[in-house]
Every structure is written in structure tokens, then in C-alpha cells.
Amino acid sequence: MKLFCPLQTADQQARPHNSVPTAIARWFNSDFRAGAEIDLSSAYDTVIHHVANLALTTNDTPPQIADTLSRAWAAPRYVVAHGEISLPIIPRRSVPQGDPCAGDAFSSVTSPWATALTTADSHVGCLSWVDDRTIGEKSTAPGPLGSHVSGASANTTIFDADVGFIENL
């Protein structure tokens, strides 16, 4: 299975009629008997440029566009405070949240997460809203309560480490 696959659902990025309350309502309407919430720390700031580039091109962004975005994100940044210009800040990672392409880039990087978890264990379901992700253990899951959530949480940590994300513990 390739690391980056096409976007699976629209709930992985900000879209109209898709919000935290919508995600919570989805949880209450699901058939989960146990669950866990995993939040990313400074999510957009942890995106590695070449990972975003690969994810974007896998999701049909033309390579020339993905390369241009990667170069722009890696370009020196400056801060102006009280009329003084700072020394250049050279980002090694980060997709600026103000960038109109940031949401799609971030979503492209996170999109394989749910597919990987549900492929590894059919007794889990996944919900996501930007950088907040929920793992649910289906009510039909065999074994002790929460055992499938524990395994999926461990796999999430591995996924996050592989793409450069930092979990907010």
C-alpha cells in the first residue's frame, strides 16, 4: 500500500457544513463502544515540505504546482516589529495557515491515516476534523473494551512519526 492515497472524505479539511459540532454529532451517531481523541500539536507547523509535496502530487496536484508550493514554504521569512526587520527565518517544516493551499496540503498529508487504521483493524472507525482525530471501537468488536482503540492509537503514533507530526499529549 502506498503511503499517500487519494483523499477519502471531506471531513479531513475545513469545508462548509463541516465543523467541530458536526464531528461531535458524527461521534454520537456512530456505533462505537470506546474511543480516543488524538490532537496534533501545532499541526500546520509540523508539516515537512517534501512530505507535503509527495502527498499533494499523489492527490493529483501537478508536480510543478507542488514544487512551487514547497519552495515558497521553504523560503526565508521575516518578522517586522517596531519598524525593524528580523534576520531571516529559514523554515525546515511548516505550511503557513494563511496560505490558501495549506488546508489541501495538510489534508493530503493526513488522508492516509483513516485508511491505514481501518485496513489494519476492521473493528475500528475513524473520524477527523483538520488536526483532531477520533478513533472509535465498533460495538461489534471482540475482546476487552478498548483493546482495538489501544492498537489503533499505537498505529496512529507510528503514522504521525513517519510523516513528521507531533501529537499533543
Protein backbone atom coordinates (compact mmCIF):
# COMPACT_ATOMS: atom_id res chain seq x y z
CA MET A 1 0.00 0.00 0.00
CA LYS A 2 1.45 3.34 -0.96
CA LEU A 3 1.90 5.83 1.86
CA PHE A 4 -0.25 8.54 0.30
CA CYS A 5 -3.57 7.72 -1.26
CA PRO A 6 -6.42 9.87 -2.62
CA LEU A 7 -8.45 11.85 -0.11
CA GLN A 8 -11.09 9.60 1.37
CA THR A 9 -13.56 12.05 2.90
CA ALA A 10 -14.24 15.75 3.08
CA ASP A 11 -14.10 15.71 6.88
CA GLN A 12 -10.33 15.93 6.86
CA GLN A 13 -10.33 19.59 5.99
CA ALA A 14 -12.38 22.67 6.63
CA ARG A 15 -15.41 22.75 4.36
CA PRO A 16 -18.85 24.35 4.61
CA HIS A 17 -21.21 22.48 6.96
CA ASN A 18 -18.28 20.61 8.46
CA SER A 19 -17.20 21.74 11.90
CA VAL A 20 -16.32 20.55 15.39
CA PRO A 21 -20.05 20.28 16.30
CA THR A 22 -20.56 18.22 13.12
CA ALA A 23 -17.71 15.93 14.15
CA ILE A 24 -19.17 15.57 17.65
CA ALA A 25 -22.59 14.78 16.18
CA ARG A 26 -20.96 12.14 13.98
CA TRP A 27 -19.42 10.58 17.11
CA PHE A 28 -22.79 10.44 18.88
CA ASN A 29 -24.38 8.90 15.78
CA SER A 30 -21.68 6.25 15.44
CA ASP A 31 -21.79 2.73 16.73
CA PHE A 32 -18.66 2.96 18.91
CA ARG A 33 -18.34 1.37 22.33
CA ALA A 34 -15.00 3.02 23.19
CA GLY A 35 -12.82 5.71 21.69
CA ALA A 36 -9.88 8.05 21.85
CA GLU A 37 -9.23 11.59 20.66
CA ILE A 38 -5.78 12.41 19.27
CA ASP A 39 -4.85 16.03 18.69
CA LEU A 40 -1.77 17.25 16.86
CA SER A 41 0.44 19.91 18.42
CA SER A 42 0.96 22.90 16.12
CA ALA A 43 -0.24 20.73 13.27
CA TYR A 44 0.41 23.02 10.32
CA ASP A 45 3.82 23.92 11.75
CA THR A 46 4.93 20.28 11.77
CA VAL A 47 4.26 19.51 8.10
CA ILE A 48 7.51 18.55 6.39
CA HIS A 49 7.77 20.21 2.97
CA HIS A 50 8.83 17.17 0.94
CA VAL A 51 6.12 15.06 2.63
CA ALA A 52 3.50 17.66 1.66
CA ASN A 53 4.91 17.73 -1.87
CA LEU A 54 4.61 13.94 -2.19
CA ALA A 55 1.11 13.94 -0.69
CA LEU A 56 -0.08 16.72 -3.00
CA THR A 57 1.26 15.07 -6.16
CA THR A 58 -0.28 11.75 -5.09
CA ASN A 59 -3.61 13.60 -4.85
CA ASP A 60 -3.28 14.85 -8.44
CA THR A 61 -1.72 18.24 -7.83
CA PRO A 62 0.56 18.89 -10.84
CA PRO A 63 4.21 18.41 -9.80
CA GLN A 64 5.08 21.94 -10.95
CA ILE A 65 2.49 23.40 -8.55
CA ALA A 66 3.57 21.15 -5.66
CA ASP A 67 7.23 22.08 -6.27
CA THR A 68 6.38 25.79 -6.34
CA LEU A 69 4.46 25.50 -3.07
CA SER A 70 7.32 23.57 -1.43
CA ARG A 71 9.83 26.23 -2.50
CA ALA A 72 7.55 29.02 -1.24
CA TRP A 73 7.06 27.30 2.12
CA ALA A 74 10.84 26.81 2.49
CA ALA A 75 11.70 30.41 1.52
CA PRO A 76 13.11 32.78 4.15
CA ARG A 77 10.55 34.53 6.31
CA TYR A 78 10.97 37.86 8.06
CA VAL A 79 9.31 39.50 11.01
CA VAL A 80 8.85 43.26 11.15
CA ALA A 81 8.42 44.61 14.67
CA HIS A 82 8.52 48.29 15.57
CA GLY A 83 9.89 49.07 12.11
CA GLU A 84 12.81 46.66 12.50
CA ILE A 85 13.25 43.71 10.14
CA SER A 86 14.42 40.48 11.73
CA LEU A 87 17.13 38.20 10.49
CA PRO A 88 15.75 35.65 8.03
CA ILE A 89 13.92 32.67 9.46
CA ILE A 90 14.54 29.59 7.33
CA PRO A 91 11.69 27.10 7.89
CA ARG A 92 12.56 23.41 7.71
CA ARG A 93 8.90 22.50 8.01
CA SER A 94 5.57 24.32 8.20
CA VAL A 95 2.70 25.04 5.88
CA PRO A 96 1.57 28.60 6.71
CA GLN A 97 -2.07 28.56 7.82
CA GLY A 98 -2.74 31.79 5.94
CA ASP A 99 -1.74 30.14 2.66
CA PRO A 100 -4.87 29.30 0.65
CA CYS A 101 -3.29 25.95 -0.29
CA ALA A 102 -2.46 24.99 3.31
CA GLY A 103 -5.73 23.17 4.01
CA ASP A 104 -5.43 20.92 0.98
CA ALA A 105 -1.74 20.28 1.68
CA PHE A 106 -2.44 19.37 5.30
CA SER A 107 -5.41 17.21 4.32
CA SER A 108 -3.33 15.42 1.70
CA VAL A 109 -0.75 14.52 4.35
CA THR A 110 -3.35 13.28 6.85
CA SER A 111 -5.64 11.49 4.37
CA PRO A 112 -3.99 8.05 4.54
CA TRP A 113 -4.39 7.86 8.33
CA ALA A 114 -8.00 6.61 8.44
CA THR A 115 -7.49 4.18 5.58
CA ALA A 116 -4.38 2.72 7.22
CA LEU A 117 -6.14 2.24 10.58
CA THR A 118 -9.33 0.70 9.24
CA THR A 119 -7.35 -1.56 6.89
CA ALA A 120 -5.22 -2.78 9.81
CA ASP A 121 -8.28 -3.41 12.04
CA SER A 122 -11.82 -3.64 10.70
CA HIS A 123 -13.17 -3.21 14.25
CA VAL A 124 -12.19 0.48 14.37
CA GLY A 125 -13.69 3.51 12.76
CA CYS A 126 -12.04 6.89 12.32
CA LEU A 127 -13.32 10.44 12.26
CA SER A 128 -11.25 13.55 11.69
CA TRP A 129 -11.60 17.30 11.68
CA VAL A 130 -8.43 19.06 10.50
CA ASP A 131 -5.90 18.11 13.23
CA ASP A 132 -8.34 16.46 15.65
CA ARG A 133 -8.76 12.75 15.04
CA THR A 134 -11.06 10.28 16.72
CA ILE A 135 -10.61 6.53 16.88
CA GLY A 136 -13.71 4.51 17.71
CA GLU A 137 -14.02 0.87 18.59
CA LYS A 138 -17.10 -0.62 16.94
CA SER A 139 -19.73 -2.12 19.21
CA THR A 140 -19.28 -5.50 17.49
CA ALA A 141 -15.54 -5.65 18.24
CA PRO A 142 -14.39 -8.79 20.03
CA GLY A 143 -12.10 -8.70 23.04
CA PRO A 144 -11.77 -6.46 26.05
CA LEU A 145 -13.28 -2.98 25.92
CA GLY A 146 -10.80 -0.54 24.39
CA SER A 147 -8.32 -3.12 23.12
CA HIS A 148 -8.82 -2.15 19.47
CA VAL A 149 -8.57 1.55 20.35
CA SER A 150 -5.22 0.90 22.04
CA GLY A 151 -3.85 -0.80 18.93
CA ALA A 152 -5.16 1.92 16.63
CA SER A 153 -3.71 4.61 18.91
CA ALA A 154 -0.30 2.95 18.71
CA ASN A 155 -0.59 2.77 14.91
CA THR A 156 -1.58 6.44 14.84
CA THR A 157 1.56 7.35 16.77
CA ILE A 158 3.66 5.41 14.24
CA PHE A 159 1.88 7.13 11.32
CA ASP A 160 2.40 10.54 12.92
CA ALA A 161 6.11 9.89 13.48
CA ASP A 162 6.52 8.67 9.89
CA VAL A 163 5.06 11.89 8.42
CA GLY A 164 6.68 14.19 10.99
CA PHE A 165 3.64 15.12 13.11
CA ILE A 166 3.88 15.75 16.83
CA GLU A 167 0.98 14.56 18.98
CA ASN A 168 -0.38 16.87 21.65
CA LEU A 169 -0.21 14.62 24.70
